[in-house]
Amino acid sequence: MRIKKALKNIFYSLGSYVLLMVAGIFIRKLFIMHFDIELLGYESLFGSVFIILSMAEMGAGGMFNYMLYRAVAEHDDHEISTLMQMFKQLYRVVGVVVAVLGCILFLFLPLFVNPDVENWNYVCIVYWIQLATTLTTYFLAYRRSILIANQCEYEVVKVETNFKMLNMVLRIGAIVLLQSYTVYLLISVFCNVLANFQIWRLCGKKYPNIKNVPIGLQDYQKRGVFTELKNLLISKISSTIWSSSDNILINAFLGIRITAIYGGYTMIYSAVNTVVSKCTQPMVASVGNLMYEKPDKNRIKQFYEAYNLFCGFAATFCFVAFIVMFQPFLEFVYGKEYLLPMAFVVALSANGYAGIKQQAICAFRNSMGNYRLDRNYSICSAALNVLLSILLAGPFGITGITVATVVAHMVIWLGRLIVVHRHYFGESLFSEITKETVWIILAALEGGVVLWICTDLSASVSGIILRGIACVVIPNLINLALFFHTASFQYMWHYAKKTFCTLGGKLKEKQVEQLRQHRK
């Protein structure tokens, strides 16, 4: 059952996010044709600002998710109901706090944006609509946690994909027919509210045993929620600053136009990372359930090594694809005037590699909880990111800011390695760092080889297709040749075959049942 659910999550996520990425690129092209690109810069800037404001959430979502893993594994309906009610209360408090902070921050908006810009009214509209979109999540989206804990994330993906496609269709109408930027923005709020409400209703129907049980302060104290939130808050603040400060720093040092152009890269970068993350994310619930079922650590370690190997394949492939495909693809779609330096592309690709490669380590780390163990690394990462960005922005521009993000990312990675390998598995940290260094060198070599092979290809349809083929074939063949005979690859291959056999069996059962019904 676990395999079947994971496979459903992967297929739904992969298909929906590829579709949404293609539609997003098309809409961005239409936007540039009809509106000032700087408006996209304001969207990116305020999006980052509200992500930072969302630190008030303190990482409660992740904490309750891993608490739910145990309750789901033990089929404890009362505990699930209690946790969901606590989650609901906390998120409502967070929503109110973010609303108040957002209203206060509006008074200081001229500090972020030059008030003399011609479209100041639009800037204010962007701000309020972005705030409204952020707030709708806190009051309706908490219920989706039970779907994720039960490995039914594909249900969330289906609903969100439908409303995101509706969002994009309506946005096309707002751009082409109405040519109204205000309507373009309001559509996002409308679709976001509808999607969250539909997921809220779906959870109520799918899990009727979840009740509105009475809870008090003792329930939070009994489960150590406040202690865990205190430790988690530091990690949350640090990771939020690390992940969301770039747009703010780029706007401060380089201007809103560069922020908007940067958004063209990050839209594709984030979409690809989301696709990969959604392919691996369903395994997070498997990790949580596996750890709470308490099998021997050898079995858990075997699963981890195979999971980590899969992440290595995905990370090297994406790194190569980013550095080889970014510039010609964006030149073909938007034009040369919307390109940033190649050195920036390499730095952004390296950051993408780091994020994808540590998916496995992150899944195990989050399932463990106890965020006190690596909070100092999170603090160091956030401080290092801001400090290096300020120092490098002047001489190196956007490349320097992105390099600072990569360095800070490595510090977070190190902290997670320490928690999982030293504290959980009781292994040598040096050995794991050596393995990850070998992977980094391998990715760099594969990227260099493919980039050299594709040097003379033009930014045309045929050139992009040939580059894509090279990116798919070369790094994956090299990885396959290097790791085919390892135990981790064989475990991964066995798991994949078992997964697809499960799918095949289910399809066959469905066909037989359909035939039986037809004969009746």
Foldseek 3Di string as FASTA:
>chain_A
DLLQLLVLLLVLLLVLLVVLLVLVLVLLLLCVVQHPLLLLLLLLQLLLVLLLLLLLLLCLLLVLLLVVLLCVLVVPQVVNLVSLLVLQVSLVVSLVSSVVVLVVVVVVVCVQPPCPDPPNVSSVLSSVLSNLLVSLCSNQVSLCSNCLLVSNCSVLSVLLSVLSVVLSVVLVCCCPPVVDVSSNSVSSSVSSNVSSNVVSVVSCVVCVSNDNDDDDPVVCVVVVVVVLSVLSSLLSSLVSLLVRVLSSLLCVQPNSSLSSLVVVLVSSLVSLLSSLCSSLSSCLSVLSNVVSVDDDVVVSVLVLLLSLLVLLLSLLLQLLCQLQQVQLQCCLSPNPVSDDDSLLSNLSSLQSSLSSNCSSLVSNLSSVRPSNQQSVLSNVLSVQLVVQSVVQCVPPNSSSSSNSSSVSSVSSSLSSLCCCVCVPVVHDSVVVVVVVVVSVVLSVVLSVVLNVVLVPQHSDPVSSVVSSVSSVPRSNVVSCVVPVPPSSNVVNVVSVVVSVVVVVVVVVVVVVVVVVVVVD
